[in-house]
Amino acid sequence: KDTSEEFLRKNYVDRMIKRVMEKVENQYYEGKKEFWKLIWKSEEKEPVWNKDPTEEMLKRGWLVQGPTKGKWFYRPQAAAILRAMERIAIEEILKPLGFQEVIESHIVPFEIWLRTGHLEGMPGEIYYVCEPKTRDIGEWERFIDLVKITKEVPEEELKKMISIPKAGICYAQCPVIYWSLRGRTIADESLPLLIFDRTAISGRYESGGRHGIERVDEFHRIEPVYIGKPEQLIELRKKLIERYKRVFNDIFEIEWRMAWVTPWYLQQAGKITEAGEHYGEGVVGTIDFEAWLPYRGDRENSKWLEFQNLSILGDKYVRAFNIKAQKGELWSGCTGIGLERWMVVFLAQKGLDPENWPEGFRKYLNKLPDGIKIL
């Protein structure tokens, strides 16, 4: 069929060919395991118990499941533990390394995810946001009438009154951080740029993969992002690992390990090796931190939980947002801190009784609140 001038001008033909090639490559990689190489492990620790902390907190009334699937209401005891995790991350890792706090929006427009690849990479995991077509209360009169009469949501009427989504709830905070620097040149004196957000709550549709507070649709993250020269980020990674080891060894006293991982989609695209080949193997990519969960079984045969990671991503995102240095190459990376996962790995090994918690942790939370007495 005839192709329009716009079709040719916007280079759709080349993109269609590239997409077909991607689908062929995807068939080759389907079923292949993600690369995983152990690089460090702690000494074995004797756990206090072997129970699922989420189930036990539910029994004690510390948590309430809902109000929608994959969400939780944290009562005072659970909230206190989560906030202790946040304080530890900030006081023991981010502040000592010079990270500065920023505050960003919870809602991310599609234009940002088009640059980062989220819309093509995980469209089925995004919570989409719709705007009302109008604020005019008169236009909403029929909707209001139906709600008042039926005491239900008239879904067909609602569809008429909302716009097609043009944004979604935060998936991870780093895209908006990069967006805030789009088209800018960062002064050498600000490099490495070390910033973090802890306000935007992440939403990810997990469907059937939900479990406890560690695999949820809504969770609380601190997102540290770093932008700098390659040598600066390589040195920063060493310092971050030292700080993480202090927290997990000396404050949490948990059994954990680190592994070098390369997501299959980056292996496939060759992006990891291309970006970091000048600096040698094991520079650009991700280190996963995994912990043993005794309630899943013995340490040798059960699946450990990935509860932290640390990535150097090369120039992928600074290039996508046209962020530049005064001179030379610029890279970026992130090390998202999932507070629920920190909480789960700690409680799975150390239990819910503060008397059994390590002294280092009790400096941050020595006593739990009384909570709410339900009759």
Protein backbone atom coordinates (compact mmCIF):
# COMPACT_ATOMS: atom_id res chain seq x y z
CA LYS A 1 0.00 0.00 0.00
CA ASP A 2 1.00 3.63 -0.46
CA THR A 3 2.98 5.00 2.44
CA SER A 4 2.46 8.53 3.71
CA GLU A 5 5.18 11.16 3.72
CA GLU A 6 5.06 11.15 7.53
CA PHE A 7 5.57 7.36 7.57
CA LEU A 8 8.79 7.76 5.57
CA ARG A 9 9.95 10.96 7.24
CA LYS A 10 9.72 9.47 10.74
CA ASN A 11 11.79 6.45 9.74
CA TYR A 12 9.07 3.90 10.56
CA VAL A 13 10.36 1.43 7.95
CA ASP A 14 13.77 1.05 9.59
CA ARG A 15 12.11 0.73 13.00
CA MET A 16 9.79 -1.98 11.72
CA ILE A 17 12.76 -3.95 10.37
CA LYS A 18 14.60 -3.50 13.68
CA ARG A 19 11.52 -4.66 15.60
CA VAL A 20 11.26 -7.84 13.51
CA MET A 21 14.94 -8.56 14.22
CA GLU A 22 14.33 -8.01 17.95
CA LYS A 23 11.48 -10.54 17.90
CA VAL A 24 13.71 -13.11 16.22
CA GLU A 25 16.43 -12.51 18.85
CA ASN A 26 13.83 -12.75 21.64
CA GLN A 27 12.92 -16.25 20.46
CA TYR A 28 16.58 -17.23 20.84
CA TYR A 29 16.77 -15.84 24.38
CA GLU A 30 13.41 -17.19 25.59
CA GLY A 31 13.93 -19.64 28.41
CA LYS A 32 17.58 -18.71 28.91
CA LYS A 33 18.61 -18.00 32.47
CA GLU A 34 19.91 -14.63 33.54
CA PHE A 35 23.68 -14.58 33.95
CA TRP A 36 24.63 -15.00 37.63
CA LYS A 37 28.11 -15.12 39.17
CA LEU A 38 28.76 -15.19 42.91
CA ILE A 39 31.31 -12.54 43.90
CA TRP A 40 31.02 -12.49 47.72
CA LYS A 41 29.09 -14.14 50.54
CA SER A 42 28.83 -13.56 54.27
CA GLU A 43 29.44 -16.16 56.91
CA GLU A 44 26.50 -18.40 57.76
CA LYS A 45 24.17 -17.12 60.47
CA GLU A 46 21.91 -19.07 62.77
CA PRO A 47 18.39 -17.65 62.34
CA VAL A 48 16.20 -16.84 65.32
CA TRP A 49 13.21 -18.59 63.69
CA ASN A 50 11.93 -19.95 60.40
CA LYS A 51 8.55 -18.25 60.03
CA ASP A 52 7.21 -15.98 57.28
CA PRO A 53 7.35 -12.48 58.82
CA THR A 54 4.38 -11.20 56.82
CA GLU A 55 2.13 -14.00 58.07
CA GLU A 56 3.26 -13.47 61.65
CA MET A 57 2.73 -9.70 61.49
CA LEU A 58 -0.78 -10.33 60.15
CA LYS A 59 -1.52 -12.62 63.10
CA ARG A 60 -0.32 -9.95 65.53
CA GLY A 61 -2.37 -7.22 63.86
CA TRP A 62 0.66 -5.23 62.72
CA LEU A 63 -0.47 -5.33 59.08
CA VAL A 64 -3.78 -5.15 57.25
CA GLN A 65 -3.93 -6.45 53.70
CA GLY A 66 -5.42 -4.05 51.17
CA PRO A 67 -7.41 -1.93 50.55
CA THR A 68 -6.75 -3.24 47.03
CA LYS A 69 -4.66 -6.19 45.83
CA GLY A 70 -0.93 -5.97 46.33
CA LYS A 71 -1.23 -3.16 48.89
CA TRP A 72 -0.74 -3.07 52.67
CA PHE A 73 -1.75 -0.89 55.60
CA TYR A 74 1.12 -0.66 58.11
CA ARG A 75 -0.01 -0.29 61.70
CA PRO A 76 2.35 1.41 64.20
CA GLN A 77 4.65 -1.55 64.91
CA ALA A 78 5.27 -2.40 61.24
CA ALA A 79 5.50 1.29 60.31
CA ALA A 80 8.17 1.82 62.99
CA ILE A 81 10.30 -0.99 61.54
CA LEU A 82 9.95 0.35 57.99
CA ARG A 83 10.93 3.85 59.09
CA ALA A 84 13.92 2.45 60.97
CA MET A 85 15.07 0.88 57.70
CA GLU A 86 14.75 4.27 56.01
CA ARG A 87 16.79 6.01 58.72
CA ILE A 88 19.52 3.38 58.52
CA ALA A 89 19.77 3.73 54.73
CA ILE A 90 20.06 7.51 54.93
CA GLU A 91 22.30 7.78 58.01
CA GLU A 92 24.61 4.85 57.29
CA ILE A 93 24.86 4.90 53.48
CA LEU A 94 23.66 8.07 51.76
CA LYS A 95 24.70 10.88 54.10
CA PRO A 96 28.25 9.59 54.69
CA LEU A 97 28.79 9.46 50.90
CA GLY A 98 27.42 12.95 50.29
CA PHE A 99 24.07 12.21 48.62
CA GLN A 100 21.62 15.13 48.50
CA GLU A 101 17.84 14.69 48.70
CA VAL A 102 15.42 15.74 45.96
CA ILE A 103 11.61 15.49 45.82
CA GLU A 104 9.79 14.34 42.70
CA SER A 105 6.27 13.64 41.44
CA HIS A 106 4.52 10.27 41.81
CA ILE A 107 3.10 10.58 38.27
CA VAL A 108 5.28 10.02 35.20
CA PRO A 109 4.24 11.17 31.70
CA PHE A 110 4.68 8.78 28.78
CA GLU A 111 7.27 11.05 27.14
CA ILE A 112 9.72 10.12 29.91
CA TRP A 113 9.10 6.37 29.66
CA LEU A 114 9.46 6.54 25.87
CA ARG A 115 13.02 7.75 26.43
CA THR A 116 13.89 5.21 29.11
CA GLY A 117 12.26 2.24 27.37
CA HIS A 118 9.75 1.41 30.12
CA LEU A 119 6.75 1.63 27.79
CA GLU A 120 8.21 -0.90 25.40
CA GLY A 121 9.84 -2.99 28.12
CA MET A 122 7.12 -3.49 30.73
CA PRO A 123 3.78 -1.97 29.61
CA GLY A 124 1.90 -4.74 31.43
CA GLU A 125 3.37 -3.74 34.81
CA ILE A 126 2.43 -0.05 34.77
CA TYR A 127 -0.44 1.51 36.71
CA TYR A 128 -1.89 4.01 34.25
CA VAL A 129 -3.31 7.41 35.26
CA CYS A 130 -6.40 8.95 33.62
CA GLU A 131 -7.41 12.60 33.87
CA PRO A 132 -11.07 13.68 33.98
CA LYS A 133 -12.28 15.06 30.65
CA THR A 134 -13.72 18.04 32.52
CA ARG A 135 -14.13 19.56 35.99
CA ASP A 136 -17.56 20.93 35.09
CA ILE A 137 -19.86 19.40 37.71
CA GLY A 138 -22.77 19.68 35.31
CA GLU A 139 -21.06 17.29 32.90
CA TRP A 140 -20.72 14.79 35.75
CA GLU A 141 -24.39 15.00 36.80
CA ARG A 142 -25.47 11.67 35.29
CA PHE A 143 -22.48 9.91 36.89
CA ILE A 144 -23.35 11.43 40.27
CA ASP A 145 -27.02 10.47 39.91
CA LEU A 146 -26.10 6.85 39.20
CA VAL A 147 -23.71 6.70 42.17
CA LYS A 148 -26.32 8.14 44.54
CA ILE A 149 -29.06 5.81 43.31
CA THR A 150 -27.15 2.53 42.91
CA LYS A 151 -24.37 3.06 45.51
CA GLU A 152 -22.05 1.50 42.92
CA VAL A 153 -19.57 2.86 40.40
CA PRO A 154 -21.23 3.12 36.95
CA GLU A 155 -18.23 1.93 34.95
CA GLU A 156 -19.62 2.59 31.47
CA GLU A 157 -20.52 6.15 32.44
CA LEU A 158 -17.11 6.63 34.03
CA LYS A 159 -15.39 5.59 30.79
CA LYS A 160 -17.15 8.45 29.03
CA MET A 161 -15.84 10.96 31.55
CA ILE A 162 -12.14 10.14 31.67
CA SER A 163 -9.37 10.69 29.14
CA ILE A 164 -7.04 8.11 27.63
CA PRO A 165 -4.01 7.73 29.95
CA LYS A 166 -1.01 9.88 29.14
CA ALA A 167 0.95 9.04 32.29
CA GLY A 168 1.43 6.37 34.93
CA ILE A 169 2.27 5.97 38.60
CA CYS A 170 5.99 5.95 39.38
CA TYR A 171 7.62 2.62 38.44
CA ALA A 172 11.06 3.70 39.66
CA GLN A 173 12.19 7.19 40.57
CA CYS A 174 15.29 7.43 38.38
CA PRO A 175 13.55 8.35 35.06
CA VAL A 176 12.12 11.57 36.51
CA ILE A 177 15.50 12.43 38.03
CA TYR A 178 17.11 12.13 34.59
CA TRP A 179 14.25 14.14 33.06
CA SER A 180 14.96 16.99 35.51
CA LEU A 181 18.45 17.30 33.99
CA ARG A 182 17.45 16.88 30.32
CA GLY A 183 19.49 18.92 27.87
CA ARG A 184 21.73 20.29 30.63
CA THR A 185 25.49 20.37 31.08
CA ILE A 186 26.59 19.49 34.61
CA ALA A 187 29.53 21.48 35.93
CA ASP A 188 32.64 19.45 36.70
CA GLU A 189 32.55 20.74 40.29
CA SER A 190 29.17 18.97 40.78
CA LEU A 191 30.51 15.60 39.61
CA PRO A 192 29.88 13.00 40.67
CA LEU A 193 26.31 14.18 41.15
CA LEU A 194 24.83 12.17 44.04
CA ILE A 195 21.09 12.58 44.67
CA PHE A 196 18.20 10.52 46.02
CA ASP A 197 14.41 10.61 46.23
CA ARG A 198 12.34 8.93 48.96
CA THR A 199 8.92 10.48 48.39
CA ALA A 200 7.54 8.84 45.23
CA ILE A 201 5.87 5.50 45.98
CA SER A 202 6.39 2.86 43.30
CA GLY A 203 3.48 1.04 41.69
CA ARG A 204 3.97 -2.17 39.69
CA TYR A 205 1.23 -4.56 38.64
CA GLU A 206 2.42 -7.99 39.82
CA SER A 207 -0.66 -10.03 38.81
CA GLY A 208 -0.12 -13.57 40.17
CA GLY A 209 3.40 -12.98 41.52
CA ARG A 210 2.44 -11.30 44.77
CA HIS A 211 3.68 -12.59 48.12
CA GLY A 212 3.81 -10.93 51.51
CA ILE A 213 5.20 -7.42 51.77
CA GLU A 214 8.20 -8.31 49.59
CA ARG A 215 6.34 -8.88 46.30
CA VAL A 216 3.68 -6.21 46.07
CA ASP A 217 2.05 -3.73 43.69
CA GLU A 218 2.93 -0.73 45.84
CA PHE A 219 6.17 -0.26 47.74
CA HIS A 220 8.44 2.31 49.32
CA ARG A 221 11.86 2.93 47.81
CA ILE A 222 14.76 5.26 48.26
CA GLU A 223 16.26 5.84 44.82
CA PRO A 224 19.90 6.99 44.89
CA VAL A 225 21.10 8.10 41.44
CA TYR A 226 24.69 8.96 40.58
CA ILE A 227 26.02 10.73 37.49
CA GLY A 228 29.71 11.22 36.84
CA LYS A 229 32.84 10.29 34.95
CA PRO A 230 33.35 6.51 34.57
CA GLU A 231 36.28 6.51 36.99
CA GLN A 232 34.21 8.37 39.60
CA LEU A 233 31.37 5.85 39.43
CA ILE A 234 33.72 2.88 39.62
CA GLU A 235 35.21 4.35 42.80
CA LEU A 236 31.76 5.21 44.16
CA ARG A 237 30.61 1.62 43.70
CA LYS A 238 33.44 0.43 45.95
CA LYS A 239 32.39 2.90 48.63
CA LEU A 240 28.73 1.93 48.34
CA ILE A 241 29.59 -1.75 48.75
CA GLU A 242 31.61 -0.90 51.88
CA ARG A 243 28.64 0.97 53.34
CA TYR A 244 26.19 -1.82 52.45
CA LYS A 245 28.48 -4.38 54.07
CA ARG A 246 28.53 -2.32 57.24
CA VAL A 247 24.72 -2.23 57.34
CA PHE A 248 24.07 -5.88 56.48
CA ASN A 249 27.00 -7.34 58.46
CA ASP A 250 27.25 -5.07 61.50
CA ILE A 251 23.74 -3.62 61.95
CA PHE A 252 21.42 -6.29 60.53
CA GLU A 253 23.86 -9.20 61.09
CA ILE A 254 22.15 -11.23 58.35
CA GLU A 255 23.32 -13.98 56.02
CA TRP A 256 23.57 -12.60 52.49
CA ARG A 257 25.61 -12.65 49.29
CA MET A 258 26.47 -10.57 46.23
CA ALA A 259 26.29 -11.75 42.62
CA TRP A 260 27.20 -10.11 39.32
CA VAL A 261 24.16 -10.28 37.06
CA THR A 262 23.46 -9.18 33.52
CA PRO A 263 19.78 -8.91 32.58
CA TRP A 264 19.10 -11.03 29.50
CA TYR A 265 17.67 -8.08 27.57
CA LEU A 266 20.94 -6.16 28.00
CA GLN A 267 22.98 -9.25 27.09
CA GLN A 268 20.86 -9.56 24.00
CA ALA A 269 21.30 -5.94 22.95
CA GLY A 270 25.04 -6.00 23.64
CA LYS A 271 24.65 -2.77 25.63
CA ILE A 272 26.63 -3.94 28.63
CA THR A 273 29.79 -4.95 26.82
CA GLU A 274 29.78 -2.01 24.40
CA ALA A 275 29.49 0.68 27.07
CA GLY A 276 32.15 -0.68 29.40
CA GLU A 277 34.58 -2.56 27.19
CA HIS A 278 37.27 0.13 27.60
CA TYR A 279 37.15 -0.35 31.39
CA GLY A 280 37.20 -4.14 31.40
CA GLU A 281 34.76 -6.85 32.40
CA GLY A 282 32.42 -6.38 35.34
CA VAL A 283 32.22 -2.60 35.23
CA VAL A 284 28.95 -1.73 33.50
CA GLY A 285 26.09 -3.84 34.82
CA THR A 286 24.38 -4.85 38.03
CA ILE A 287 25.34 -6.44 41.34
CA ASP A 288 22.44 -8.16 43.11
CA PHE A 289 22.37 -8.55 46.89
CA GLU A 290 20.51 -11.69 47.97
CA ALA A 291 19.51 -12.96 51.42
CA TRP A 292 18.48 -16.33 52.76
CA LEU A 293 14.87 -16.55 53.95
CA PRO A 294 14.77 -19.47 56.44
CA TYR A 295 11.00 -19.92 56.07
CA ARG A 296 11.56 -20.96 52.44
CA GLY A 297 13.77 -23.88 53.42
CA ASP A 298 17.46 -24.63 53.87
CA ARG A 299 20.06 -22.20 52.56
CA GLU A 300 21.43 -24.61 49.94
CA ASN A 301 18.21 -25.49 48.13
CA SER A 302 15.77 -22.63 48.70
CA LYS A 303 15.44 -19.51 46.56
CA TRP A 304 17.14 -16.50 48.11
CA LEU A 305 15.50 -13.07 47.90
CA GLU A 306 17.09 -10.29 45.85
CA PHE A 307 16.71 -7.41 48.30
CA GLN A 308 19.11 -4.80 46.95
CA ASN A 309 21.07 -4.03 43.82
CA LEU A 310 23.74 -1.66 42.61
CA SER A 311 24.12 -0.70 38.95
CA ILE A 312 26.44 1.25 36.69
CA LEU A 313 24.53 1.79 33.46
CA GLY A 314 27.10 3.45 31.22
CA ASP A 315 25.81 6.29 29.07
CA LYS A 316 22.37 4.74 28.39
CA TYR A 317 20.25 7.27 30.30
CA VAL A 318 22.45 10.37 30.10
CA ARG A 319 22.41 9.90 26.33
CA ALA A 320 18.63 9.36 26.27
CA PHE A 321 18.10 12.69 28.05
CA ASN A 322 21.03 14.52 26.43
CA ILE A 323 22.79 15.19 29.74
CA LYS A 324 26.40 16.28 29.28
CA ALA A 325 29.57 16.98 31.22
CA GLN A 326 31.74 20.02 30.59
CA LYS A 327 34.23 17.68 29.01
CA GLY A 328 34.70 13.96 28.61
CA GLU A 329 32.45 10.95 29.00
CA LEU A 330 29.48 10.89 31.37
CA TRP A 331 27.89 7.78 32.91
CA SER A 332 25.13 7.15 35.41
CA GLY A 333 23.84 4.46 37.73
CA CYS A 334 21.42 3.77 40.56
CA THR A 335 21.04 1.59 43.64
CA GLY A 336 17.35 1.49 44.54
CA ILE A 337 16.70 0.65 48.20
CA GLY A 338 13.42 -1.24 48.66
CA LEU A 339 12.44 -0.74 52.29
CA GLU A 340 9.93 -3.61 52.37
CA ARG A 341 12.59 -6.04 51.15
CA TRP A 342 15.11 -4.83 53.70
CA MET A 343 12.42 -5.34 56.32
CA VAL A 344 11.59 -8.87 55.15
CA VAL A 345 15.16 -10.19 55.05
CA PHE A 346 15.89 -8.75 58.50
CA LEU A 347 12.71 -10.08 60.13
CA ALA A 348 12.94 -13.46 58.36
CA GLN A 349 16.28 -14.09 60.08
CA LYS A 350 15.95 -12.06 63.30
CA GLY A 351 12.26 -12.41 64.19
CA LEU A 352 9.73 -9.88 65.48
CA ASP A 353 10.92 -9.64 69.09
CA PRO A 354 13.25 -6.63 69.64
CA GLU A 355 15.01 -8.62 72.37
CA ASN A 356 16.46 -10.84 69.62
CA TRP A 357 17.57 -8.00 67.36
CA PRO A 358 21.27 -7.12 67.05
CA GLU A 359 22.52 -4.23 69.16
CA GLY A 360 23.43 -2.24 66.05
CA PHE A 361 19.84 -2.32 64.84
CA ARG A 362 18.42 -1.56 68.29
CA LYS A 363 20.27 1.76 68.23
CA TYR A 364 17.75 2.73 65.57
CA LEU A 365 14.72 0.94 67.01
CA ASN A 366 14.95 -0.37 70.56
CA LYS A 367 11.26 -0.58 71.42
CA LEU A 368 8.15 -1.01 69.31
CA PRO A 369 5.10 1.24 69.73
CA ASP A 370 2.14 -0.14 71.68
CA GLY A 371 0.01 -0.21 68.56
CA ILE A 372 -3.78 -0.38 68.33
CA LYS A 373 -5.82 -2.62 70.64
CA ILE A 374 -8.75 -4.12 68.74
CA LEU A 375 -11.70 -5.55 70.70
